[in-house]
Amino acid sequence: MGHPPYLAGHTGAALYYAVLSIGVAALINVAPYLQGARGPSRLVVGGGSAPGFPSTPAGSISLNVDPAANPGIVGSIGNPPVEPGTFTEVYYENVPYTAFTGGNAGAIGATGQVLSPGGQLIIDTGSAVPIGEVQSLLQANGFSNIQVGRSPTGGVRITATR
């Protein structure tokens, strides 16, 4: 059996794909389609392949709540449709800090779940990010080696290790 069309160019034995149908989200295990395949090692949160989006690097798959972004996986990092420990790196690609702070603070814990031990989190976000809150959330969710700097786009980059 061939790969489903929404996985064109992506492989991964532990991937789940979020399918939005009649307003109900359902998870479909695509592992049977990918027996023995090595999955992508990097999850790009906020990414996609629609016009205007940066290209998703080889070995990566994008996750976005907006189907119009044409991501590899439609879904939220707050409730990621992938199995725990799937990725060695999660990259928040210019994600607004409100997506992982305040009422959405659970996204940091969920990110930790999809990272393999020793995995790296890279967050590129706006300069108004509440850095102290994010550092506290990261520490509370088992992240270490937390570093804050400037992102290539002029915002803030926060990195941490799981």
N, C-alpha and C. Protein backbone atom coordinates (compact mmCIF):
# COMPACT_ATOMS: atom_id res chain seq x y z
N MET A 1 0.85 -1.17 0.00
CA MET A 1 0.00 0.00 0.00
C MET A 1 0.89 1.23 0.00
N GLY A 2 0.58 2.23 -0.82
CA GLY A 2 1.39 3.44 -0.90
C GLY A 2 1.13 4.38 0.25
N HIS A 3 1.95 5.42 0.33
CA HIS A 3 1.78 6.42 1.38
C HIS A 3 0.52 7.25 1.12
N PRO A 4 -0.18 7.63 2.18
CA PRO A 4 -1.31 8.54 2.00
C PRO A 4 -0.81 9.85 1.40
N PRO A 5 -1.60 10.55 0.59
CA PRO A 5 -1.12 11.76 -0.07
C PRO A 5 -0.68 12.85 0.88
N TYR A 6 -1.25 12.92 2.09
CA TYR A 6 -0.86 13.98 3.01
C TYR A 6 0.49 13.72 3.65
N LEU A 7 1.10 12.57 3.39
CA LEU A 7 2.43 12.30 3.91
C LEU A 7 3.49 12.33 2.82
N ALA A 8 3.13 12.86 1.66
CA ALA A 8 4.09 12.93 0.56
C ALA A 8 5.36 13.61 1.03
N GLY A 9 6.48 12.94 0.91
CA GLY A 9 7.76 13.49 1.31
C GLY A 9 8.09 13.35 2.79
N HIS A 10 7.20 12.76 3.57
CA HIS A 10 7.43 12.60 5.01
C HIS A 10 7.27 11.14 5.39
N THR A 11 8.12 10.68 6.30
CA THR A 11 7.98 9.33 6.81
C THR A 11 8.07 9.37 8.31
N GLY A 12 7.59 8.34 8.98
CA GLY A 12 7.71 8.29 10.42
C GLY A 12 6.85 7.19 11.00
N ALA A 13 7.46 6.23 11.65
CA ALA A 13 6.73 5.09 12.18
C ALA A 13 5.81 5.49 13.34
N ALA A 14 6.10 6.58 14.03
CA ALA A 14 5.29 6.93 15.20
C ALA A 14 4.37 8.12 14.94
N LEU A 15 4.23 8.52 13.68
CA LEU A 15 3.42 9.69 13.38
C LEU A 15 1.93 9.40 13.43
N TYR A 16 1.22 10.37 13.88
CA TYR A 16 -0.22 10.35 13.80
C TYR A 16 -0.62 11.60 13.02
N TYR A 17 -1.70 11.51 12.29
CA TYR A 17 -2.12 12.64 11.51
C TYR A 17 -3.47 13.11 12.02
N ALA A 18 -3.60 14.37 12.29
CA ALA A 18 -4.87 14.91 12.76
C ALA A 18 -5.73 15.23 11.55
N VAL A 19 -6.87 14.64 11.49
CA VAL A 19 -7.78 14.86 10.38
C VAL A 19 -9.01 15.57 10.91
N LEU A 20 -9.33 16.71 10.33
CA LEU A 20 -10.51 17.44 10.75
C LEU A 20 -11.65 17.07 9.80
N SER A 21 -12.69 16.48 10.34
CA SER A 21 -13.79 16.01 9.52
C SER A 21 -15.10 16.30 10.23
N ILE A 22 -15.97 16.99 9.59
CA ILE A 22 -17.28 17.33 10.14
C ILE A 22 -17.13 17.98 11.52
N GLY A 23 -16.10 18.80 11.67
CA GLY A 23 -15.89 19.51 12.93
C GLY A 23 -15.35 18.66 14.06
N VAL A 24 -14.98 17.42 13.81
CA VAL A 24 -14.48 16.52 14.84
C VAL A 24 -13.06 16.13 14.49
N ALA A 25 -12.15 16.30 15.45
CA ALA A 25 -10.76 15.91 15.21
C ALA A 25 -10.61 14.42 15.51
N ALA A 26 -9.96 13.70 14.64
CA ALA A 26 -9.72 12.28 14.84
C ALA A 26 -8.25 12.00 14.59
N LEU A 27 -7.68 11.09 15.34
CA LEU A 27 -6.29 10.70 15.12
C LEU A 27 -6.26 9.39 14.35
N ILE A 28 -5.46 9.37 13.33
CA ILE A 28 -5.32 8.16 12.53
C ILE A 28 -3.87 7.71 12.64
N ASN A 29 -3.66 6.50 13.06
CA ASN A 29 -2.31 5.96 13.16
C ASN A 29 -1.83 5.62 11.76
N VAL A 30 -0.78 6.28 11.31
CA VAL A 30 -0.27 6.02 9.97
C VAL A 30 0.92 5.06 10.01
N ALA A 31 1.27 4.55 11.18
CA ALA A 31 2.40 3.63 11.30
C ALA A 31 2.30 2.44 10.35
N PRO A 32 1.11 1.83 10.14
CA PRO A 32 1.06 0.69 9.22
C PRO A 32 1.52 1.02 7.81
N TYR A 33 1.38 2.30 7.40
CA TYR A 33 1.83 2.70 6.08
C TYR A 33 3.33 2.84 6.00
N LEU A 34 3.98 2.94 7.16
CA LEU A 34 5.37 3.32 7.22
C LEU A 34 6.25 2.27 7.91
N GLN A 35 5.87 1.03 7.84
CA GLN A 35 6.60 -0.04 8.52
C GLN A 35 8.10 0.07 8.24
N GLY A 36 8.88 0.17 9.30
CA GLY A 36 10.34 0.18 9.17
C GLY A 36 10.92 1.50 8.71
N ALA A 37 10.10 2.52 8.49
CA ALA A 37 10.62 3.80 8.01
C ALA A 37 11.19 4.59 9.17
N ARG A 38 12.19 5.40 8.90
CA ARG A 38 12.74 6.29 9.92
C ARG A 38 12.02 7.61 9.79
N GLY A 39 11.49 8.10 10.88
CA GLY A 39 10.67 9.30 10.85
C GLY A 39 11.49 10.57 10.86
N PRO A 40 10.79 11.69 10.66
CA PRO A 40 11.47 12.97 10.74
C PRO A 40 11.96 13.20 12.17
N SER A 41 13.07 13.88 12.30
CA SER A 41 13.63 14.11 13.63
C SER A 41 13.25 15.47 14.19
N ARG A 42 12.69 16.34 13.36
CA ARG A 42 12.40 17.71 13.78
C ARG A 42 10.94 18.06 13.51
N LEU A 43 10.28 18.60 14.52
CA LEU A 43 8.92 19.09 14.38
C LEU A 43 8.97 20.61 14.32
N VAL A 44 8.41 21.19 13.26
CA VAL A 44 8.38 22.64 13.09
C VAL A 44 6.97 23.12 13.43
N VAL A 45 6.82 23.70 14.62
CA VAL A 45 5.54 24.18 15.10
C VAL A 45 5.27 25.55 14.47
N GLY A 46 4.10 25.70 13.86
CA GLY A 46 3.75 26.94 13.19
C GLY A 46 4.19 26.97 11.74
N GLY A 47 4.73 25.86 11.27
CA GLY A 47 5.22 25.80 9.90
C GLY A 47 4.16 25.33 8.93
N GLY A 48 4.54 25.27 7.68
CA GLY A 48 3.66 24.81 6.62
C GLY A 48 4.33 24.99 5.28
N SER A 49 3.66 24.56 4.24
CA SER A 49 4.24 24.69 2.90
C SER A 49 3.41 25.60 2.00
N ALA A 50 2.51 26.38 2.59
CA ALA A 50 1.74 27.35 1.81
C ALA A 50 2.66 28.48 1.36
N PRO A 51 2.26 29.21 0.31
CA PRO A 51 3.08 30.35 -0.14
C PRO A 51 3.34 31.32 1.02
N GLY A 52 4.57 31.80 1.10
CA GLY A 52 4.95 32.74 2.14
C GLY A 52 5.58 32.09 3.36
N PHE A 53 5.49 30.77 3.49
CA PHE A 53 6.11 30.08 4.62
C PHE A 53 7.53 29.68 4.26
N PRO A 54 8.45 29.74 5.23
CA PRO A 54 9.80 29.22 4.96
C PRO A 54 9.70 27.73 4.64
N SER A 55 10.58 27.26 3.80
CA SER A 55 10.55 25.83 3.46
C SER A 55 10.90 25.00 4.69
N THR A 56 10.23 23.86 4.82
CA THR A 56 10.49 22.95 5.93
C THR A 56 11.73 22.13 5.56
N PRO A 57 12.78 22.18 6.38
CA PRO A 57 14.02 21.46 6.05
C PRO A 57 13.82 19.95 5.95
N ALA A 58 14.70 19.31 5.20
CA ALA A 58 14.68 17.85 5.10
C ALA A 58 14.80 17.27 6.51
N GLY A 59 14.12 16.18 6.75
CA GLY A 59 14.14 15.55 8.06
C GLY A 59 13.20 16.19 9.05
N SER A 60 12.35 17.10 8.57
CA SER A 60 11.40 17.82 9.42
C SER A 60 9.98 17.60 8.93
N ILE A 61 9.04 17.83 9.82
CA ILE A 61 7.63 17.85 9.46
C ILE A 61 6.99 19.01 10.21
N SER A 62 6.07 19.71 9.55
CA SER A 62 5.46 20.89 10.15
C SER A 62 4.14 20.54 10.83
N LEU A 63 3.82 21.33 11.86
CA LEU A 63 2.58 21.21 12.63
C LEU A 63 1.97 22.60 12.71
N ASN A 64 0.70 22.70 12.33
CA ASN A 64 0.02 23.99 12.38
C ASN A 64 -1.46 23.75 12.60
N VAL A 65 -2.11 24.62 13.38
CA VAL A 65 -3.55 24.49 13.62
C VAL A 65 -4.36 24.93 12.40
N ASP A 66 -3.75 25.67 11.51
CA ASP A 66 -4.44 26.21 10.34
C ASP A 66 -4.19 25.33 9.11
N PRO A 67 -5.23 24.63 8.64
CA PRO A 67 -5.05 23.79 7.46
C PRO A 67 -4.60 24.58 6.23
N ALA A 68 -4.94 25.87 6.16
CA ALA A 68 -4.54 26.69 5.02
C ALA A 68 -3.02 26.88 4.95
N ALA A 69 -2.32 26.65 6.06
CA ALA A 69 -0.86 26.74 6.06
C ALA A 69 -0.23 25.55 5.34
N ASN A 70 -1.05 24.55 5.06
CA ASN A 70 -0.60 23.33 4.38
C ASN A 70 0.54 22.65 5.15
N PRO A 71 0.32 22.39 6.46
CA PRO A 71 1.37 21.72 7.24
C PRO A 71 1.37 20.22 6.97
N GLY A 72 2.43 19.57 7.39
CA GLY A 72 2.48 18.10 7.30
C GLY A 72 1.49 17.47 8.25
N ILE A 73 1.24 18.13 9.39
CA ILE A 73 0.28 17.66 10.39
C ILE A 73 -0.59 18.84 10.80
N VAL A 74 -1.90 18.69 10.72
CA VAL A 74 -2.81 19.71 11.22
C VAL A 74 -3.07 19.38 12.68
N GLY A 75 -2.75 20.31 13.57
CA GLY A 75 -2.96 20.07 14.99
C GLY A 75 -2.30 21.14 15.82
N SER A 76 -2.48 21.02 17.13
CA SER A 76 -1.96 22.00 18.08
C SER A 76 -0.84 21.38 18.91
N ILE A 77 0.19 22.17 19.21
CA ILE A 77 1.25 21.69 20.08
C ILE A 77 0.74 21.52 21.50
N GLY A 78 -0.37 22.16 21.83
CA GLY A 78 -0.97 21.98 23.15
C GLY A 78 -1.55 20.60 23.35
N ASN A 79 -1.88 19.94 22.27
CA ASN A 79 -2.39 18.57 22.28
C ASN A 79 -1.87 17.89 21.01
N PRO A 80 -0.56 17.66 20.95
CA PRO A 80 0.05 17.21 19.70
C PRO A 80 -0.40 15.82 19.27
N PRO A 81 -0.75 15.68 18.01
CA PRO A 81 -1.20 14.38 17.49
C PRO A 81 -0.05 13.47 17.09
N VAL A 82 0.95 13.34 17.95
CA VAL A 82 2.09 12.45 17.73
C VAL A 82 2.39 11.71 19.03
N GLU A 83 3.07 10.61 18.91
CA GLU A 83 3.40 9.82 20.08
C GLU A 83 4.54 10.46 20.88
N PRO A 84 4.57 10.21 22.19
CA PRO A 84 5.65 10.73 23.03
C PRO A 84 7.02 10.27 22.53
N GLY A 85 8.01 11.17 22.68
CA GLY A 85 9.39 10.83 22.34
C GLY A 85 9.67 10.72 20.85
N THR A 86 8.80 11.25 20.01
CA THR A 86 8.94 11.10 18.55
C THR A 86 10.09 11.91 17.97
N PHE A 87 10.37 13.09 18.51
CA PHE A 87 11.31 14.01 17.86
C PHE A 87 12.54 14.30 18.72
N THR A 88 13.66 14.57 18.06
CA THR A 88 14.88 14.98 18.75
C THR A 88 14.95 16.50 18.85
N GLU A 89 14.12 17.19 18.05
CA GLU A 89 14.09 18.65 18.09
C GLU A 89 12.69 19.14 17.78
N VAL A 90 12.26 20.15 18.53
CA VAL A 90 11.01 20.86 18.25
C VAL A 90 11.38 22.32 18.08
N TYR A 91 10.96 22.89 16.97
CA TYR A 91 11.26 24.28 16.64
C TYR A 91 9.96 25.07 16.52
N TYR A 92 9.77 26.06 17.38
CA TYR A 92 8.63 26.97 17.29
C TYR A 92 9.04 28.07 16.30
N GLU A 93 8.51 27.99 15.09
CA GLU A 93 8.90 28.90 14.02
C GLU A 93 8.08 30.20 14.06
N ASN A 94 8.65 31.22 14.69
CA ASN A 94 7.99 32.53 14.79
C ASN A 94 6.57 32.41 15.34
N VAL A 95 6.43 31.60 16.38
CA VAL A 95 5.14 31.35 17.02
C VAL A 95 4.88 32.47 18.03
N PRO A 96 3.68 33.09 18.01
CA PRO A 96 3.38 34.11 19.02
C PRO A 96 3.47 33.51 20.42
N TYR A 97 4.06 34.24 21.34
CA TYR A 97 4.26 33.70 22.69
C TYR A 97 2.95 33.36 23.39
N THR A 98 1.86 33.95 22.96
CA THR A 98 0.56 33.63 23.57
C THR A 98 0.13 32.19 23.27
N ALA A 99 0.79 31.54 22.33
CA ALA A 99 0.47 30.14 22.01
C ALA A 99 1.07 29.16 23.01
N PHE A 100 2.00 29.65 23.87
CA PHE A 100 2.64 28.74 24.83
C PHE A 100 2.83 29.36 26.22
N THR A 101 2.14 30.47 26.48
CA THR A 101 2.16 31.11 27.81
C THR A 101 0.73 31.33 28.27
N GLY A 102 0.58 31.81 29.48
CA GLY A 102 -0.76 32.12 30.01
C GLY A 102 -1.67 30.91 29.94
N GLY A 103 -2.84 31.07 29.36
CA GLY A 103 -3.81 29.99 29.24
C GLY A 103 -3.35 28.84 28.36
N ASN A 104 -2.30 29.05 27.59
CA ASN A 104 -1.76 27.99 26.71
C ASN A 104 -0.43 27.43 27.22
N ALA A 105 -0.14 27.65 28.51
CA ALA A 105 1.13 27.21 29.08
C ALA A 105 1.32 25.69 29.00
N GLY A 106 0.24 24.94 28.87
CA GLY A 106 0.34 23.48 28.75
C GLY A 106 1.10 23.04 27.51
N ALA A 107 1.24 23.93 26.54
CA ALA A 107 1.98 23.59 25.32
C ALA A 107 3.43 23.25 25.61
N ILE A 108 4.02 23.90 26.63
CA ILE A 108 5.42 23.60 26.97
C ILE A 108 5.54 22.16 27.48
N GLY A 109 4.63 21.74 28.35
CA GLY A 109 4.65 20.37 28.85
C GLY A 109 4.41 19.37 27.73
N ALA A 110 3.47 19.69 26.83
CA ALA A 110 3.19 18.79 25.69
C ALA A 110 4.40 18.69 24.77
N THR A 111 5.11 19.81 24.61
CA THR A 111 6.32 19.79 23.79
C THR A 111 7.36 18.85 24.41
N GLY A 112 7.50 18.93 25.73
CA GLY A 112 8.43 18.03 26.41
C GLY A 112 8.08 16.58 26.20
N GLN A 113 6.80 16.28 26.08
CA GLN A 113 6.37 14.90 25.88
C GLN A 113 6.76 14.37 24.50
N VAL A 114 6.70 15.20 23.46
CA VAL A 114 7.01 14.71 22.12
C VAL A 114 8.51 14.67 21.84
N LEU A 115 9.30 15.32 22.72
CA LEU A 115 10.76 15.27 22.57
C LEU A 115 11.31 13.99 23.17
N SER A 116 12.30 13.43 22.51
CA SER A 116 13.01 12.28 23.09
C SER A 116 13.95 12.81 24.18
N PRO A 117 14.38 11.94 25.10
CA PRO A 117 15.32 12.39 26.14
C PRO A 117 16.56 13.03 25.50
N GLY A 118 16.94 14.18 26.02
CA GLY A 118 18.06 14.92 25.46
C GLY A 118 17.68 15.79 24.28
N GLY A 119 16.41 15.77 23.91
CA GLY A 119 15.94 16.55 22.77
C GLY A 119 16.02 18.05 23.02
N GLN A 120 16.05 18.78 21.93
CA GLN A 120 16.25 20.23 21.97
C GLN A 120 14.97 20.96 21.57
N LEU A 121 14.61 21.98 22.34
CA LEU A 121 13.51 22.88 22.01
C LEU A 121 14.11 24.22 21.62
N ILE A 122 13.66 24.74 20.48
CA ILE A 122 14.08 26.06 20.01
C ILE A 122 12.81 26.87 19.78
N ILE A 123 12.69 27.99 20.46
CA ILE A 123 11.52 28.85 20.32
C ILE A 123 11.98 30.18 19.73
N ASP A 124 11.44 30.54 18.56
CA ASP A 124 11.62 31.87 18.00
C ASP A 124 10.27 32.57 18.11
N THR A 125 10.24 33.70 18.81
CA THR A 125 8.99 34.40 19.08
C THR A 125 9.25 35.90 19.13
N GLY A 126 8.21 36.67 19.43
CA GLY A 126 8.31 38.12 19.49
C GLY A 126 9.09 38.62 20.69
N SER A 127 9.52 39.88 20.61
CA SER A 127 10.37 40.45 21.66
C SER A 127 9.62 40.77 22.95
N ALA A 128 8.28 40.76 22.94
CA ALA A 128 7.50 41.05 24.16
C ALA A 128 7.24 39.80 25.00
N VAL A 129 7.83 38.67 24.63
CA VAL A 129 7.62 37.41 25.35
C VAL A 129 7.97 37.57 26.83
N PRO A 130 7.13 37.06 27.73
CA PRO A 130 7.47 37.12 29.16
C PRO A 130 8.53 36.06 29.49
N ILE A 131 9.79 36.45 29.35
CA ILE A 131 10.90 35.51 29.45
C ILE A 131 10.90 34.77 30.79
N GLY A 132 10.67 35.47 31.89
CA GLY A 132 10.65 34.82 33.20
C GLY A 132 9.60 33.74 33.28
N GLU A 133 8.41 34.00 32.72
CA GLU A 133 7.34 32.99 32.72
C GLU A 133 7.76 31.77 31.92
N VAL A 134 8.34 32.00 30.75
CA VAL A 134 8.75 30.89 29.89
C VAL A 134 9.86 30.08 30.56
N GLN A 135 10.82 30.75 31.17
CA GLN A 135 11.89 30.03 31.87
C GLN A 135 11.31 29.18 32.99
N SER A 136 10.37 29.72 33.75
CA SER A 136 9.72 28.96 34.83
C SER A 136 8.96 27.76 34.30
N LEU A 137 8.25 27.96 33.20
CA LEU A 137 7.50 26.85 32.59
C LEU A 137 8.44 25.75 32.12
N LEU A 138 9.53 26.15 31.50
CA LEU A 138 10.50 25.17 31.01
C LEU A 138 11.09 24.37 32.18
N GLN A 139 11.50 25.06 33.22
CA GLN A 139 12.07 24.37 34.39
C GLN A 139 11.04 23.44 35.02
N ALA A 140 9.81 23.90 35.17
CA ALA A 140 8.75 23.09 35.79
C ALA A 140 8.42 21.85 34.97
N ASN A 141 8.74 21.88 33.68
CA ASN A 141 8.45 20.75 32.81
C ASN A 141 9.69 19.93 32.46
N GLY A 142 10.73 20.06 33.27
CA GLY A 142 11.90 19.19 33.14
C GLY A 142 12.93 19.61 32.12
N PHE A 143 12.86 20.85 31.63
CA PHE A 143 13.87 21.32 30.67
C PHE A 143 15.06 21.89 31.44
N SER A 144 16.23 21.81 30.82
CA SER A 144 17.45 22.36 31.42
C SER A 144 18.21 23.11 30.34
N ASN A 145 19.37 23.63 30.72
CA ASN A 145 20.24 24.36 29.78
C ASN A 145 19.44 25.42 29.01
N ILE A 146 18.64 26.19 29.73
CA ILE A 146 17.78 27.21 29.12
C ILE A 146 18.62 28.44 28.79
N GLN A 147 18.56 28.85 27.53
CA GLN A 147 19.32 30.00 27.06
C GLN A 147 18.39 30.95 26.32
N VAL A 148 18.62 32.24 26.48
CA VAL A 148 17.81 33.27 25.82
C VAL A 148 18.74 34.15 24.99
N GLY A 149 18.33 34.41 23.76
CA GLY A 149 19.11 35.28 22.88
C GLY A 149 18.21 35.91 21.84
N ARG A 150 18.82 36.41 20.78
CA ARG A 150 18.09 37.05 19.70
C ARG A 150 17.88 36.05 18.57
N SER A 151 16.64 36.03 18.04
CA SER A 151 16.35 35.14 16.91
C SER A 151 16.85 35.78 15.62
N PRO A 152 17.03 34.99 14.57
CA PRO A 152 17.49 35.54 13.29
C PRO A 152 16.52 36.57 12.70
N THR A 153 15.25 36.55 13.13
CA THR A 153 14.26 37.49 12.61
C THR A 153 14.14 38.74 13.47
N GLY A 154 14.97 38.86 14.52
CA GLY A 154 14.98 40.05 15.35
C GLY A 154 14.18 39.93 16.63
N GLY A 155 13.47 38.83 16.81
CA GLY A 155 12.72 38.60 18.04
C GLY A 155 13.60 37.93 19.08
N VAL A 156 12.98 37.08 19.88
CA VAL A 156 13.69 36.36 20.93
C VAL A 156 13.80 34.89 20.57
N ARG A 157 14.96 34.30 20.84
CA ARG A 157 15.15 32.85 20.70
C ARG A 157 15.44 32.29 22.08
N ILE A 158 14.66 31.27 22.44
CA ILE A 158 14.85 30.56 23.70
C ILE A 158 15.14 29.11 23.34
N THR A 159 16.22 28.56 23.89
CA THR A 159 16.54 27.16 23.66
C THR A 159 16.61 26.44 25.00
N ALA A 160 16.28 25.16 24.97
CA ALA A 160 16.31 24.35 26.18
C ALA A 160 16.45 22.89 25.78
N THR A 161 16.96 22.10 26.72
CA THR A 161 17.16 20.67 26.50
C THR A 161 16.21 19.89 27.40
N ARG A 162 15.63 18.83 26.87
CA ARG A 162 14.71 17.99 27.63
C ARG A 162 15.49 16.95 28.37
